[in-house]
Amino acid sequence: MIGVGSGTFWTRFKILNTSLWPLEEQSRLTKELLSNCESIEWQVDELMRIRWPILRTYVAIDNDDFISSESDRQLLLIKQQDEELDELSASEKNIEELGSEMDSTSNRLDFVQKKVAVVMKCQGPNDDDLILDCPVHHFNYLCWYSLPRLIDIMSRQFQE
């Protein structure tokens, strides 16, 4: 079998075209040419057959890379969502604490309003003076206070 790139084959082929060879020689050269073409066709088919697994390997690698990057992206999204849920949970706790503080403040304000109402009923002979029990000083007797002094005592009591 003569290779495609060999000079002998092409020399014979040129001679075949330029001169009149006997029919037997032309027939033999034609068969040789067809045989070489079939060999080339087989080699092309073989290269294509070999090429597909290689391409499949590259495609598989590309797919794996894509899946890996998508997996990383989804893990990042999950992590961000977890952080946002933690922030929401912290906000919920803050709101609950604020609600408790508001309830406590409301109860203390109700208490102070009741105390002020009681004190207002106990006005002394002068409109600026009030008689009241002095729990701040832990006295068990009635004291005379001016209204500004009473407000000061009540505000301190409210802050406690």
N, C-alpha and C. Protein backbone atom coordinates (compact mmCIF):
# COMPACT_ATOMS: atom_id res chain seq x y z
N MET A 1 0.84 -1.17 0.00
CA MET A 1 0.00 0.00 0.00
C MET A 1 0.89 1.23 0.00
N ILE A 2 0.58 2.16 -0.81
CA ILE A 2 1.37 3.38 -0.95
C ILE A 2 0.70 4.47 -0.14
N GLY A 3 1.47 5.18 0.67
CA GLY A 3 0.93 6.27 1.49
C GLY A 3 0.51 7.44 0.64
N VAL A 4 -0.40 8.23 1.22
CA VAL A 4 -0.94 9.39 0.48
C VAL A 4 0.15 10.40 0.20
N GLY A 5 1.06 10.58 1.12
CA GLY A 5 2.07 11.62 0.94
C GLY A 5 3.31 11.14 0.20
N SER A 6 3.34 9.89 -0.22
CA SER A 6 4.57 9.41 -0.86
C SER A 6 4.70 9.96 -2.27
N GLY A 7 5.92 10.29 -2.64
CA GLY A 7 6.17 10.85 -3.97
C GLY A 7 5.92 9.85 -5.08
N THR A 8 6.11 8.56 -4.82
CA THR A 8 5.94 7.54 -5.84
C THR A 8 4.51 7.49 -6.32
N PHE A 9 3.55 7.54 -5.40
CA PHE A 9 2.15 7.47 -5.78
C PHE A 9 1.77 8.66 -6.66
N TRP A 10 2.15 9.84 -6.24
CA TRP A 10 1.77 11.04 -7.01
C TRP A 10 2.49 11.07 -8.36
N THR A 11 3.70 10.57 -8.38
CA THR A 11 4.41 10.50 -9.66
C THR A 11 3.68 9.56 -10.61
N ARG A 12 3.27 8.42 -10.11
CA ARG A 12 2.52 7.47 -10.94
C ARG A 12 1.19 8.06 -11.37
N PHE A 13 0.53 8.78 -10.44
CA PHE A 13 -0.76 9.37 -10.77
C PHE A 13 -0.62 10.42 -11.88
N LYS A 14 0.46 11.22 -11.81
CA LYS A 14 0.69 12.22 -12.85
C LYS A 14 0.97 11.54 -14.20
N ILE A 15 1.75 10.49 -14.13
CA ILE A 15 2.05 9.76 -15.37
C ILE A 15 0.77 9.18 -15.94
N LEU A 16 -0.11 8.68 -15.07
CA LEU A 16 -1.37 8.10 -15.51
C LEU A 16 -2.21 9.15 -16.24
N ASN A 17 -2.18 10.35 -15.76
CA ASN A 17 -2.97 11.40 -16.40
C ASN A 17 -2.32 11.93 -17.67
N THR A 18 -1.02 11.93 -17.74
CA THR A 18 -0.35 12.55 -18.88
C THR A 18 -0.05 11.59 -20.02
N SER A 19 -0.07 10.33 -19.75
CA SER A 19 0.26 9.39 -20.84
C SER A 19 -0.80 8.32 -20.94
N LEU A 20 -0.71 7.61 -21.95
CA LEU A 20 -1.66 6.53 -22.15
C LEU A 20 -1.04 5.25 -21.63
N TRP A 21 -1.52 4.81 -20.52
CA TRP A 21 -1.05 3.57 -19.93
C TRP A 21 -1.95 2.44 -20.39
N PRO A 22 -1.43 1.28 -20.32
CA PRO A 22 -2.31 0.15 -20.64
C PRO A 22 -3.46 0.11 -19.63
N LEU A 23 -4.54 -0.43 -20.03
CA LEU A 23 -5.75 -0.48 -19.24
C LEU A 23 -5.53 -1.20 -17.91
N GLU A 24 -4.70 -2.21 -17.90
CA GLU A 24 -4.41 -2.94 -16.67
C GLU A 24 -3.73 -2.03 -15.65
N GLU A 25 -2.78 -1.24 -16.10
CA GLU A 25 -2.07 -0.32 -15.19
C GLU A 25 -3.03 0.74 -14.68
N GLN A 26 -3.89 1.26 -15.54
CA GLN A 26 -4.86 2.26 -15.10
C GLN A 26 -5.82 1.66 -14.08
N SER A 27 -6.25 0.46 -14.31
CA SER A 27 -7.17 -0.21 -13.40
C SER A 27 -6.51 -0.45 -12.04
N ARG A 28 -5.25 -0.89 -12.07
CA ARG A 28 -4.52 -1.12 -10.83
C ARG A 28 -4.32 0.16 -10.05
N LEU A 29 -3.94 1.23 -10.75
CA LEU A 29 -3.74 2.52 -10.08
C LEU A 29 -5.05 3.08 -9.53
N THR A 30 -6.15 2.87 -10.24
CA THR A 30 -7.46 3.32 -9.77
C THR A 30 -7.84 2.58 -8.50
N LYS A 31 -7.61 1.27 -8.47
CA LYS A 31 -7.90 0.48 -7.27
C LYS A 31 -7.04 0.94 -6.10
N GLU A 32 -5.77 1.21 -6.41
CA GLU A 32 -4.86 1.68 -5.37
C GLU A 32 -5.33 3.03 -4.83
N LEU A 33 -5.75 3.89 -5.72
CA LEU A 33 -6.26 5.21 -5.33
C LEU A 33 -7.51 5.07 -4.47
N LEU A 34 -8.44 4.22 -4.88
CA LEU A 34 -9.67 4.00 -4.10
C LEU A 34 -9.35 3.38 -2.74
N SER A 35 -8.39 2.48 -2.74
CA SER A 35 -7.98 1.85 -1.49
C SER A 35 -7.42 2.90 -0.53
N ASN A 36 -6.58 3.78 -1.08
CA ASN A 36 -6.02 4.85 -0.24
C ASN A 36 -7.12 5.80 0.25
N CYS A 37 -8.08 6.08 -0.61
CA CYS A 37 -9.19 6.95 -0.20
C CYS A 37 -10.02 6.29 0.90
N GLU A 38 -10.25 4.98 0.75
CA GLU A 38 -10.99 4.26 1.79
C GLU A 38 -10.21 4.29 3.11
N SER A 39 -8.91 4.16 2.99
CA SER A 39 -8.07 4.22 4.19
C SER A 39 -8.19 5.59 4.85
N ILE A 40 -8.17 6.62 4.02
CA ILE A 40 -8.31 7.98 4.55
C ILE A 40 -9.70 8.14 5.19
N GLU A 41 -10.72 7.63 4.51
CA GLU A 41 -12.08 7.72 5.04
C GLU A 41 -12.17 6.99 6.38
N TRP A 42 -11.54 5.81 6.45
CA TRP A 42 -11.54 5.06 7.70
C TRP A 42 -10.81 5.84 8.79
N GLN A 43 -9.68 6.48 8.44
CA GLN A 43 -8.93 7.26 9.41
C GLN A 43 -9.75 8.45 9.92
N VAL A 44 -10.49 9.10 9.00
CA VAL A 44 -11.35 10.21 9.40
C VAL A 44 -12.43 9.71 10.35
N ASP A 45 -13.05 8.57 10.00
CA ASP A 45 -14.07 7.99 10.87
C ASP A 45 -13.48 7.65 12.24
N GLU A 46 -12.30 7.09 12.22
CA GLU A 46 -11.64 6.72 13.47
C GLU A 46 -11.33 7.96 14.32
N LEU A 47 -10.85 9.00 13.66
CA LEU A 47 -10.59 10.25 14.39
C LEU A 47 -11.87 10.83 14.98
N MET A 48 -12.97 10.76 14.24
CA MET A 48 -14.25 11.24 14.75
C MET A 48 -14.70 10.39 15.93
N ARG A 49 -14.50 9.07 15.80
CA ARG A 49 -14.89 8.17 16.89
C ARG A 49 -14.06 8.47 18.14
N ILE A 50 -12.79 8.74 17.98
CA ILE A 50 -11.92 9.06 19.11
C ILE A 50 -12.24 10.46 19.65
N ARG A 51 -12.61 11.34 18.75
CA ARG A 51 -12.86 12.73 19.14
C ARG A 51 -14.06 12.86 20.07
N TRP A 52 -15.12 12.08 19.84
CA TRP A 52 -16.34 12.21 20.66
C TRP A 52 -16.10 11.92 22.14
N PRO A 53 -15.38 10.85 22.48
CA PRO A 53 -15.13 10.65 23.92
C PRO A 53 -14.32 11.79 24.53
N ILE A 54 -13.38 12.31 23.74
CA ILE A 54 -12.60 13.44 24.24
C ILE A 54 -13.50 14.64 24.44
N LEU A 55 -14.37 14.91 23.45
CA LEU A 55 -15.31 16.03 23.59
C LEU A 55 -16.26 15.80 24.76
N ARG A 56 -16.72 14.54 24.91
CA ARG A 56 -17.60 14.23 26.04
C ARG A 56 -16.89 14.49 27.36
N THR A 57 -15.59 14.18 27.39
CA THR A 57 -14.82 14.44 28.60
C THR A 57 -14.78 15.93 28.90
N TYR A 58 -14.50 16.74 27.86
CA TYR A 58 -14.47 18.19 28.06
C TYR A 58 -15.84 18.73 28.45
N VAL A 59 -16.87 18.20 27.81
CA VAL A 59 -18.23 18.63 28.15
C VAL A 59 -18.54 18.24 29.59
N ALA A 60 -18.13 17.04 29.99
CA ALA A 60 -18.37 16.60 31.36
C ALA A 60 -17.62 17.49 32.35
N ILE A 61 -16.39 17.86 32.00
CA ILE A 61 -15.62 18.76 32.86
C ILE A 61 -16.31 20.11 32.95
N ASP A 62 -16.75 20.64 31.80
CA ASP A 62 -17.47 21.92 31.81
C ASP A 62 -18.75 21.82 32.63
N ASN A 63 -19.47 20.71 32.47
CA ASN A 63 -20.70 20.52 33.26
C ASN A 63 -20.39 20.45 34.75
N ASP A 64 -19.33 19.72 35.09
CA ASP A 64 -18.95 19.63 36.50
C ASP A 64 -18.58 21.00 37.06
N ASP A 65 -17.84 21.78 36.26
CA ASP A 65 -17.48 23.14 36.68
C ASP A 65 -18.73 23.99 36.89
N PHE A 66 -19.67 23.89 35.96
CA PHE A 66 -20.91 24.67 36.07
C PHE A 66 -21.70 24.24 37.31
N ILE A 67 -21.81 22.93 37.50
CA ILE A 67 -22.55 22.43 38.67
C ILE A 67 -21.86 22.88 39.95
N SER A 68 -20.55 22.82 39.97
CA SER A 68 -19.81 23.26 41.15
C SER A 68 -20.02 24.74 41.43
N SER A 69 -19.95 25.56 40.38
CA SER A 69 -20.15 27.00 40.58
C SER A 69 -21.58 27.30 41.01
N GLU A 70 -22.54 26.59 40.42
CA GLU A 70 -23.95 26.79 40.82
C GLU A 70 -24.16 26.32 42.26
N SER A 71 -23.52 25.23 42.62
CA SER A 71 -23.62 24.73 43.99
C SER A 71 -23.04 25.75 44.97
N ASP A 72 -21.89 26.31 44.62
CA ASP A 72 -21.28 27.35 45.46
C ASP A 72 -22.20 28.56 45.57
N ARG A 73 -22.80 28.95 44.45
CA ARG A 73 -23.69 30.10 44.45
C ARG A 73 -24.92 29.83 45.33
N GLN A 74 -25.46 28.63 45.23
CA GLN A 74 -26.63 28.28 46.04
C GLN A 74 -26.27 28.20 47.52
N LEU A 75 -25.08 27.69 47.83
CA LEU A 75 -24.64 27.67 49.23
C LEU A 75 -24.50 29.09 49.77
N LEU A 76 -23.98 30.00 48.93
CA LEU A 76 -23.87 31.40 49.34
C LEU A 76 -25.24 32.00 49.58
N LEU A 77 -26.19 31.69 48.70
CA LEU A 77 -27.56 32.19 48.89
C LEU A 77 -28.17 31.64 50.17
N ILE A 78 -27.95 30.37 50.44
CA ILE A 78 -28.47 29.76 51.66
C ILE A 78 -27.85 30.43 52.88
N LYS A 79 -26.55 30.68 52.82
CA LYS A 79 -25.87 31.34 53.94
C LYS A 79 -26.43 32.74 54.15
N GLN A 80 -26.65 33.49 53.07
CA GLN A 80 -27.23 34.83 53.18
C GLN A 80 -28.63 34.76 53.77
N GLN A 81 -29.41 33.79 53.34
CA GLN A 81 -30.77 33.64 53.87
C GLN A 81 -30.73 33.28 55.36
N ASP A 82 -29.78 32.43 55.75
CA ASP A 82 -29.63 32.10 57.17
C ASP A 82 -29.29 33.34 57.98
N GLU A 83 -28.38 34.16 57.46
CA GLU A 83 -28.01 35.40 58.15
C GLU A 83 -29.21 36.33 58.26
N GLU A 84 -29.99 36.43 57.19
CA GLU A 84 -31.18 37.28 57.23
C GLU A 84 -32.20 36.74 58.23
N LEU A 85 -32.34 35.41 58.30
CA LEU A 85 -33.25 34.82 59.30
C LEU A 85 -32.76 35.10 60.72
N ASP A 86 -31.44 35.04 60.92
CA ASP A 86 -30.89 35.38 62.24
C ASP A 86 -31.18 36.84 62.59
N GLU A 87 -31.03 37.73 61.60
CA GLU A 87 -31.34 39.14 61.83
C GLU A 87 -32.82 39.32 62.16
N LEU A 88 -33.69 38.60 61.44
CA LEU A 88 -35.12 38.68 61.72
C LEU A 88 -35.43 38.17 63.13
N SER A 89 -34.77 37.10 63.52
CA SER A 89 -34.97 36.55 64.85
C SER A 89 -34.53 37.55 65.92
N ALA A 90 -33.38 38.19 65.69
CA ALA A 90 -32.90 39.21 66.63
C ALA A 90 -33.87 40.39 66.68
N SER A 91 -34.39 40.79 65.53
CA SER A 91 -35.36 41.88 65.49
C SER A 91 -36.63 41.50 66.24
N GLU A 92 -37.05 40.25 66.09
CA GLU A 92 -38.24 39.78 66.80
C GLU A 92 -38.02 39.85 68.31
N LYS A 93 -36.83 39.42 68.77
CA LYS A 93 -36.53 39.50 70.20
C LYS A 93 -36.54 40.95 70.67
N ASN A 94 -35.94 41.84 69.86
CA ASN A 94 -35.93 43.26 70.23
C ASN A 94 -37.35 43.81 70.33
N ILE A 95 -38.21 43.42 69.40
CA ILE A 95 -39.59 43.88 69.42
C ILE A 95 -40.31 43.33 70.65
N GLU A 96 -40.06 42.06 70.98
CA GLU A 96 -40.67 41.48 72.18
C GLU A 96 -40.20 42.20 73.43
N GLU A 97 -38.89 42.49 73.51
CA GLU A 97 -38.36 43.23 74.66
C GLU A 97 -38.97 44.62 74.73
N LEU A 98 -39.10 45.27 73.58
CA LEU A 98 -39.71 46.60 73.55
C LEU A 98 -41.16 46.52 74.01
N GLY A 99 -41.88 45.48 73.58
CA GLY A 99 -43.26 45.30 74.03
C GLY A 99 -43.34 45.11 75.53
N SER A 100 -42.41 44.30 76.08
CA SER A 100 -42.38 44.09 77.53
C SER A 100 -42.08 45.40 78.26
N GLU A 101 -41.11 46.16 77.74
CA GLU A 101 -40.78 47.45 78.35
C GLU A 101 -41.97 48.40 78.28
N MET A 102 -42.67 48.37 77.14
CA MET A 102 -43.85 49.24 77.01
C MET A 102 -44.93 48.83 78.01
N ASP A 103 -45.14 47.52 78.19
CA ASP A 103 -46.12 47.05 79.17
C ASP A 103 -45.72 47.49 80.58
N SER A 104 -44.43 47.30 80.89
CA SER A 104 -43.93 47.70 82.21
C SER A 104 -44.09 49.21 82.41
N THR A 105 -43.72 49.97 81.39
CA THR A 105 -43.85 51.43 81.48
C THR A 105 -45.31 51.83 81.62
N SER A 106 -46.17 51.16 80.88
CA SER A 106 -47.60 51.45 80.98
C SER A 106 -48.12 51.16 82.38
N ASN A 107 -47.69 50.04 82.96
CA ASN A 107 -48.10 49.70 84.32
C ASN A 107 -47.58 50.72 85.32
N ARG A 108 -46.33 51.12 85.16
CA ARG A 108 -45.76 52.13 86.06
C ARG A 108 -46.46 53.46 85.90
N LEU A 109 -46.79 53.81 84.66
CA LEU A 109 -47.51 55.07 84.41
C LEU A 109 -48.90 55.02 85.04
N ASP A 110 -49.58 53.89 84.93
CA ASP A 110 -50.89 53.74 85.58
C ASP A 110 -50.75 53.91 87.09
N PHE A 111 -49.70 53.30 87.65
CA PHE A 111 -49.47 53.42 89.09
C PHE A 111 -49.25 54.88 89.48
N VAL A 112 -48.41 55.58 88.72
CA VAL A 112 -48.13 56.99 89.02
C VAL A 112 -49.40 57.82 88.87
N GLN A 113 -50.19 57.55 87.85
CA GLN A 113 -51.43 58.31 87.68
C GLN A 113 -52.37 58.09 88.85
N LYS A 114 -52.45 56.86 89.35
CA LYS A 114 -53.29 56.59 90.52
C LYS A 114 -52.76 57.32 91.74
N LYS A 115 -51.44 57.32 91.91
CA LYS A 115 -50.83 58.03 93.04
C LYS A 115 -51.12 59.52 92.95
N VAL A 116 -50.97 60.07 91.75
CA VAL A 116 -51.24 61.50 91.56
C VAL A 116 -52.70 61.79 91.86
N ALA A 117 -53.59 60.91 91.44
CA ALA A 117 -55.02 61.11 91.71
C ALA A 117 -55.28 61.10 93.21
N VAL A 118 -54.63 60.17 93.92
CA VAL A 118 -54.79 60.12 95.38
C VAL A 118 -54.24 61.39 96.01
N VAL A 119 -53.08 61.81 95.55
CA VAL A 119 -52.45 63.01 96.10
C VAL A 119 -53.30 64.23 95.82
N MET A 120 -53.88 64.29 94.65
CA MET A 120 -54.70 65.45 94.30
C MET A 120 -55.93 65.56 95.20
N LYS A 121 -56.39 64.43 95.71
CA LYS A 121 -57.52 64.46 96.63
C LYS A 121 -57.12 64.99 98.00
N CYS A 122 -55.83 64.90 98.29
CA CYS A 122 -55.34 65.27 99.63
C CYS A 122 -54.71 66.64 99.63
N GLN A 123 -55.30 67.59 99.00
CA GLN A 123 -54.71 68.93 98.99
C GLN A 123 -54.81 69.54 100.38
N GLY A 124 -53.78 70.28 100.71
CA GLY A 124 -53.74 70.95 102.00
C GLY A 124 -54.50 72.27 101.97
N PRO A 125 -54.37 73.07 103.07
CA PRO A 125 -55.08 74.34 103.15
C PRO A 125 -54.68 75.31 102.05
N ASN A 126 -53.45 75.28 101.63
CA ASN A 126 -52.98 76.13 100.54
C ASN A 126 -53.02 75.27 99.27
N ASP A 127 -53.45 75.81 98.13
CA ASP A 127 -53.55 75.02 96.90
C ASP A 127 -52.19 74.49 96.42
N ASP A 128 -51.09 75.14 96.80
CA ASP A 128 -49.77 74.68 96.38
C ASP A 128 -49.20 73.60 97.29
N ASP A 129 -49.83 73.36 98.42
CA ASP A 129 -49.32 72.37 99.37
C ASP A 129 -50.18 71.11 99.30
N LEU A 130 -49.53 69.97 99.46
CA LEU A 130 -50.23 68.70 99.43
C LEU A 130 -49.83 67.88 100.64
N ILE A 131 -50.77 67.10 101.14
CA ILE A 131 -50.47 66.18 102.22
C ILE A 131 -50.36 64.79 101.59
N LEU A 132 -49.30 64.09 101.91
CA LEU A 132 -49.17 62.75 101.36
C LEU A 132 -48.33 61.88 102.25
N ASP A 133 -48.47 60.61 102.06
CA ASP A 133 -47.64 59.63 102.74
C ASP A 133 -46.29 59.67 102.04
N CYS A 134 -45.21 59.53 102.75
CA CYS A 134 -43.86 59.69 102.18
C CYS A 134 -43.18 58.33 102.04
N PRO A 135 -43.58 57.48 101.08
CA PRO A 135 -42.95 56.17 100.95
C PRO A 135 -41.51 56.26 100.47
N VAL A 136 -41.19 57.37 99.79
CA VAL A 136 -39.83 57.51 99.29
C VAL A 136 -38.85 57.58 100.46
N HIS A 137 -39.26 58.29 101.49
CA HIS A 137 -38.38 58.44 102.67
C HIS A 137 -38.70 57.40 103.73
N HIS A 138 -39.64 56.50 103.43
CA HIS A 138 -40.04 55.43 104.34
C HIS A 138 -40.56 55.97 105.66
N PHE A 139 -41.22 57.11 105.58
CA PHE A 139 -41.89 57.64 106.78
C PHE A 139 -43.31 57.12 106.78
N ASN A 140 -43.84 56.85 107.91
CA ASN A 140 -45.20 56.36 108.00
C ASN A 140 -46.16 57.45 108.47
N TYR A 141 -45.74 58.65 108.43
CA TYR A 141 -46.63 59.74 108.84
C TYR A 141 -46.82 60.68 107.67
N LEU A 142 -47.77 61.55 107.75
CA LEU A 142 -48.07 62.48 106.68
C LEU A 142 -47.11 63.65 106.71
N CYS A 143 -46.73 64.12 105.52
CA CYS A 143 -45.81 65.24 105.38
C CYS A 143 -46.48 66.31 104.54
N TRP A 144 -46.02 67.53 104.71
CA TRP A 144 -46.47 68.64 103.87
C TRP A 144 -45.41 68.89 102.80
N TYR A 145 -45.83 68.93 101.54
CA TYR A 145 -44.91 69.21 100.43
C TYR A 145 -45.54 70.23 99.52
N SER A 146 -44.69 70.97 98.89
CA SER A 146 -45.20 71.85 97.84
C SER A 146 -45.36 71.01 96.57
N LEU A 147 -46.16 71.47 95.64
CA LEU A 147 -46.43 70.73 94.40
C LEU A 147 -45.16 70.46 93.59
N PRO A 148 -44.23 71.43 93.41
CA PRO A 148 -42.99 71.11 92.66
C PRO A 148 -42.17 70.00 93.33
N ARG A 149 -42.15 70.02 94.69
CA ARG A 149 -41.41 68.98 95.40
C ARG A 149 -42.08 67.62 95.18
N LEU A 150 -43.39 67.58 95.16
CA LEU A 150 -44.13 66.35 94.92
C LEU A 150 -43.81 65.79 93.53
N ILE A 151 -43.80 66.66 92.53
CA ILE A 151 -43.48 66.22 91.16
C ILE A 151 -42.09 65.62 91.10
N ASP A 152 -41.14 66.25 91.80
CA ASP A 152 -39.77 65.74 91.84
C ASP A 152 -39.73 64.35 92.47
N ILE A 153 -40.43 64.17 93.59
CA ILE A 153 -40.46 62.87 94.26
C ILE A 153 -41.12 61.83 93.37
N MET A 154 -42.22 62.19 92.75
CA MET A 154 -42.94 61.25 91.90
C MET A 154 -42.09 60.85 90.68
N SER A 155 -41.37 61.79 90.10
CA SER A 155 -40.55 61.46 88.93
C SER A 155 -39.42 60.52 89.32
N ARG A 156 -38.82 60.73 90.52
CA ARG A 156 -37.78 59.82 90.99
C ARG A 156 -38.36 58.43 91.26
N GLN A 157 -39.55 58.40 91.81
CA GLN A 157 -40.20 57.13 92.10
C GLN A 157 -40.53 56.41 90.79
N PHE A 158 -40.93 57.16 89.78
CA PHE A 158 -41.25 56.59 88.48
C PHE A 158 -40.01 56.00 87.82
N GLN A 159 -38.86 56.64 88.03
CA GLN A 159 -37.62 56.15 87.41
C GLN A 159 -37.11 54.88 88.08
N GLU A 160 -37.47 54.67 89.32
CA GLU A 160 -37.03 53.46 90.02
C GLU A 160 -37.78 52.33 89.50
